């Protein structure tokens, strides 16, 4: 199934000037990765304490785009300038999960009824990323199959935030959105495992 992740190569090309500038001033991929994570945690904390304020739903979609850009930048920086490292792999995977949890968890305060659907969404997201990493351990190829991969989840949260600015009563239906998204994550986890098993080591 189609995923926003498939647009990543074109997005990376657009970011090349920024990547070249960061390399010029000696910024490393790991520094970008950690910065993106710390920024995500900060936005998540702001969201938690300001979930009833309209301005946070303006900030969230903007930050989701910025975070996707930072996630692409660290990868291009590492690849183009041969800066890949074992630590970088750990940071890339761990900070993604931490960032997702920090940004998604405050929705528990927004979703009514059934806020547990947010927790299900977060837990399944972690399992999905684990399935992707296991693919690399087994066959040497990291699996990113969608639907509702990392980029799709970021787009979903950004879209929900924009809608909440104009349609506050959406909060009563968000549990359905998170439930459907969770089903899609189950599909992507199955797809990642299947493709991981099919890849030749």
Protein backbone atom coordinates (compact mmCIF):
# COMPACT_ATOMS: atom_id res chain seq x y z
CA UNK A 1 0.00 0.00 0.00
CA UNK A 2 1.14 3.56 -0.73
CA UNK A 3 2.98 5.54 1.94
CA UNK A 4 4.26 9.12 2.18
CA UNK A 5 7.68 7.52 2.77
CA UNK A 6 7.85 6.87 -0.99
CA UNK A 7 8.19 10.64 -1.51
CA UNK A 8 11.33 10.73 0.67
CA UNK A 9 13.93 10.74 -2.17
CA UNK A 10 12.45 13.89 -3.75
CA UNK A 11 12.14 15.53 -0.33
CA UNK A 12 15.81 14.74 0.37
CA UNK A 13 16.85 16.39 -2.89
CA UNK A 14 15.12 19.62 -1.84
CA UNK A 15 17.06 19.57 1.44
CA UNK A 16 20.51 19.20 -0.15
CA UNK A 17 21.46 22.92 0.23
CA UNK A 18 20.70 22.77 3.97
CA UNK A 19 22.65 19.51 4.30
CA UNK A 20 25.68 21.04 2.55
CA UNK A 21 25.54 24.08 4.81
CA UNK A 22 25.36 21.96 7.97
CA UNK A 23 28.35 19.92 6.85
CA UNK A 24 30.25 23.12 6.15
CA UNK A 25 29.78 24.27 9.75
CA UNK A 26 30.71 20.81 11.08
CA UNK A 27 27.27 19.70 12.25
CA UNK A 28 27.14 15.89 12.47
CA UNK A 29 24.17 13.59 11.67
CA UNK A 30 24.02 12.47 15.31
CA UNK A 31 23.75 16.07 16.48
CA UNK A 32 20.81 16.62 14.12
CA UNK A 33 19.16 13.40 15.35
CA UNK A 34 19.49 14.29 19.03
CA UNK A 35 18.36 17.89 18.38
CA UNK A 36 15.22 16.64 16.62
CA UNK A 37 14.43 14.34 19.56
CA UNK A 38 14.94 17.03 22.20
CA UNK A 39 12.79 19.41 20.18
CA UNK A 40 10.08 16.73 19.92
CA UNK A 41 10.09 16.22 23.68
CA UNK A 42 9.86 19.96 24.25
CA UNK A 43 6.90 20.30 21.87
CA UNK A 44 5.27 17.26 23.49
CA UNK A 45 5.57 18.86 26.95
CA UNK A 46 4.15 22.15 25.61
CA UNK A 47 1.29 20.19 24.04
CA UNK A 48 0.57 18.36 27.31
CA UNK A 49 0.26 21.58 29.31
CA UNK A 50 -1.52 23.56 26.59
CA UNK A 51 -3.82 21.02 24.94
CA UNK A 52 -6.81 23.33 25.41
CA UNK A 53 -5.10 26.24 23.61
CA UNK A 54 -5.63 26.81 19.90
CA UNK A 55 -2.05 27.96 19.25
CA UNK A 56 -0.58 24.52 20.03
CA UNK A 57 -2.58 23.04 17.13
CA UNK A 58 -0.95 25.62 14.85
CA UNK A 59 2.50 24.71 16.16
CA UNK A 60 2.06 20.91 15.87
CA UNK A 61 1.64 20.57 12.07
CA UNK A 62 4.49 23.03 11.48
CA UNK A 63 6.72 21.06 13.82
CA UNK A 64 5.73 17.73 12.25
CA UNK A 65 7.02 19.06 8.93
CA UNK A 66 10.20 20.36 10.55
CA UNK A 67 10.75 17.02 12.26
CA UNK A 68 10.35 15.13 8.97
CA UNK A 69 12.90 17.50 7.43
CA UNK A 70 15.37 16.94 10.28
CA UNK A 71 14.90 13.16 10.00
CA UNK A 72 15.69 13.35 6.30
CA UNK A 73 18.63 15.73 6.82
CA UNK A 74 20.49 13.46 9.26
CA UNK A 75 20.24 10.55 6.82
CA UNK A 76 21.44 12.55 3.80
CA UNK A 77 24.23 14.12 5.85
CA UNK A 78 25.43 10.69 6.96
CA UNK A 79 25.21 9.16 3.48
CA UNK A 80 26.60 11.99 1.37
CA UNK A 81 29.60 12.67 3.57
CA UNK A 82 30.28 9.11 4.75
CA UNK A 83 29.41 9.89 8.36
CA UNK A 84 27.44 6.72 9.13
CA UNK A 85 28.16 5.19 12.52
CA UNK A 86 26.92 2.41 14.78
CA UNK A 87 25.89 4.99 17.35
CA UNK A 88 23.97 6.81 14.61
CA UNK A 89 21.90 3.69 13.92
CA UNK A 90 20.98 3.34 17.57
CA UNK A 91 20.13 7.02 17.88
CA UNK A 92 18.08 7.03 14.69
CA UNK A 93 15.83 4.19 15.84
CA UNK A 94 15.57 5.05 19.54
CA UNK A 95 14.98 8.79 19.12
CA UNK A 96 12.22 8.15 16.57
CA UNK A 97 10.28 6.03 19.06
CA UNK A 98 10.91 8.50 21.91
CA UNK A 99 9.84 11.44 19.75
CA UNK A 100 6.66 9.71 18.59
CA UNK A 101 5.68 8.86 22.16
CA UNK A 102 6.36 12.42 23.36
CA UNK A 103 4.30 13.99 20.57
CA UNK A 104 1.39 11.51 20.53
CA UNK A 105 0.87 10.87 24.26
CA UNK A 106 -0.77 14.26 25.02
CA UNK A 107 -3.65 13.29 22.71
CA UNK A 108 -4.88 11.16 25.63
CA UNK A 109 -6.10 14.45 27.09
CA UNK A 110 -7.77 15.43 23.82
CA UNK A 111 -9.53 12.24 22.75
CA UNK A 112 -12.91 11.76 24.37
CA UNK A 113 -14.27 9.14 24.80
CA UNK A 114 -11.89 6.15 24.65
CA UNK A 115 -8.47 7.82 25.11
CA UNK A 116 -7.04 4.29 25.34
CA UNK A 117 -7.08 4.25 21.53
CA UNK A 118 -4.18 6.73 21.65
CA UNK A 119 -2.16 4.30 23.77
CA UNK A 120 -2.95 1.47 21.37
CA UNK A 121 -1.80 3.69 18.49
CA UNK A 122 1.50 4.48 20.25
CA UNK A 123 2.20 0.87 21.27
CA UNK A 124 1.49 -0.45 17.79
CA UNK A 125 3.73 2.28 16.33
CA UNK A 126 6.61 1.01 18.48
CA UNK A 127 5.93 -2.58 17.42
CA UNK A 128 5.85 -1.50 13.78
CA UNK A 129 9.27 0.14 14.05
CA UNK A 130 10.61 -2.94 15.83
CA UNK A 131 9.38 -5.07 12.92
CA UNK A 132 11.25 -2.76 10.54
CA UNK A 133 14.49 -3.06 12.53
CA UNK A 134 14.15 -6.84 12.82
CA UNK A 135 14.01 -6.98 9.04
CA UNK A 136 17.50 -5.50 8.93
CA UNK A 137 18.77 -7.96 11.53
CA UNK A 138 17.43 -10.93 9.57
CA UNK A 139 18.01 -9.95 5.95
CA UNK A 140 20.17 -6.84 6.09
CA UNK A 141 17.37 -4.61 4.75
CA UNK A 142 15.51 -2.17 7.03
CA UNK A 143 11.79 -2.39 6.27
CA UNK A 144 9.79 0.83 5.87
CA UNK A 145 6.59 -0.49 4.29
CA UNK A 146 3.32 1.34 4.93
CA UNK A 147 0.54 2.05 5.41
CA UNK A 148 0.79 4.32 8.46
CA UNK A 149 4.57 4.29 8.68
CA UNK A 150 6.52 7.02 10.46
CA UNK A 151 5.91 9.70 7.82
CA UNK A 152 2.23 8.77 7.51
CA UNK A 153 1.78 9.06 11.27
CA UNK A 154 3.41 12.49 11.27
CA UNK A 155 1.10 13.61 8.45
CA UNK A 156 -1.94 12.22 10.30
CA UNK A 157 -1.09 14.08 13.52
CA UNK A 158 -0.47 17.28 11.56
CA UNK A 159 -3.80 16.92 9.72
CA UNK A 160 -5.69 16.23 12.96
CA UNK A 161 -4.12 19.32 14.53
CA UNK A 162 -5.18 21.55 11.64
CA UNK A 163 -8.74 20.20 11.77
CA UNK A 164 -8.94 20.76 15.52
CA UNK A 165 -8.27 24.48 14.99
CA UNK A 166 -11.52 24.82 13.06
CA UNK A 167 -13.54 21.86 14.34
CA UNK A 168 -13.13 21.36 18.07
CA UNK A 169 -15.94 18.81 18.29
CA UNK A 170 -13.69 16.48 16.28
CA UNK A 171 -12.33 15.40 19.67
CA UNK A 172 -15.42 13.22 20.09
CA UNK A 173 -14.56 11.26 16.93
CA UNK A 174 -10.79 11.12 17.21
CA UNK A 175 -10.91 7.72 18.90
CA UNK A 176 -12.27 6.33 15.63
CA UNK A 177 -9.41 7.96 13.70
CA UNK A 178 -6.81 6.48 16.05
CA UNK A 179 -8.51 3.09 15.90
CA UNK A 180 -8.47 3.04 12.09
CA UNK A 181 -4.84 4.22 12.10
CA UNK A 182 -4.00 1.39 14.52
CA UNK A 183 -5.53 -1.18 12.15
CA UNK A 184 -3.38 0.25 9.34
CA UNK A 185 -0.30 -0.06 11.56
CA UNK A 186 -1.13 -3.74 12.15
CA UNK A 187 -1.23 -4.17 8.36
CA UNK A 188 2.12 -2.43 7.95
CA UNK A 189 3.68 -4.57 10.69
CA UNK A 190 2.49 -7.71 8.93
CA UNK A 191 3.83 -6.37 5.62
CA UNK A 192 7.22 -5.54 7.14
CA UNK A 193 7.57 -9.00 8.67
CA UNK A 194 6.49 -10.65 5.40
CA UNK A 195 8.91 -8.62 3.28
CA UNK A 196 11.69 -9.13 5.80
CA UNK A 197 11.27 -12.87 5.53
CA UNK A 198 11.19 -12.72 1.74
CA UNK A 199 14.39 -10.65 1.45
CA UNK A 200 17.52 -12.63 0.70
CA UNK A 201 20.20 -12.20 3.35
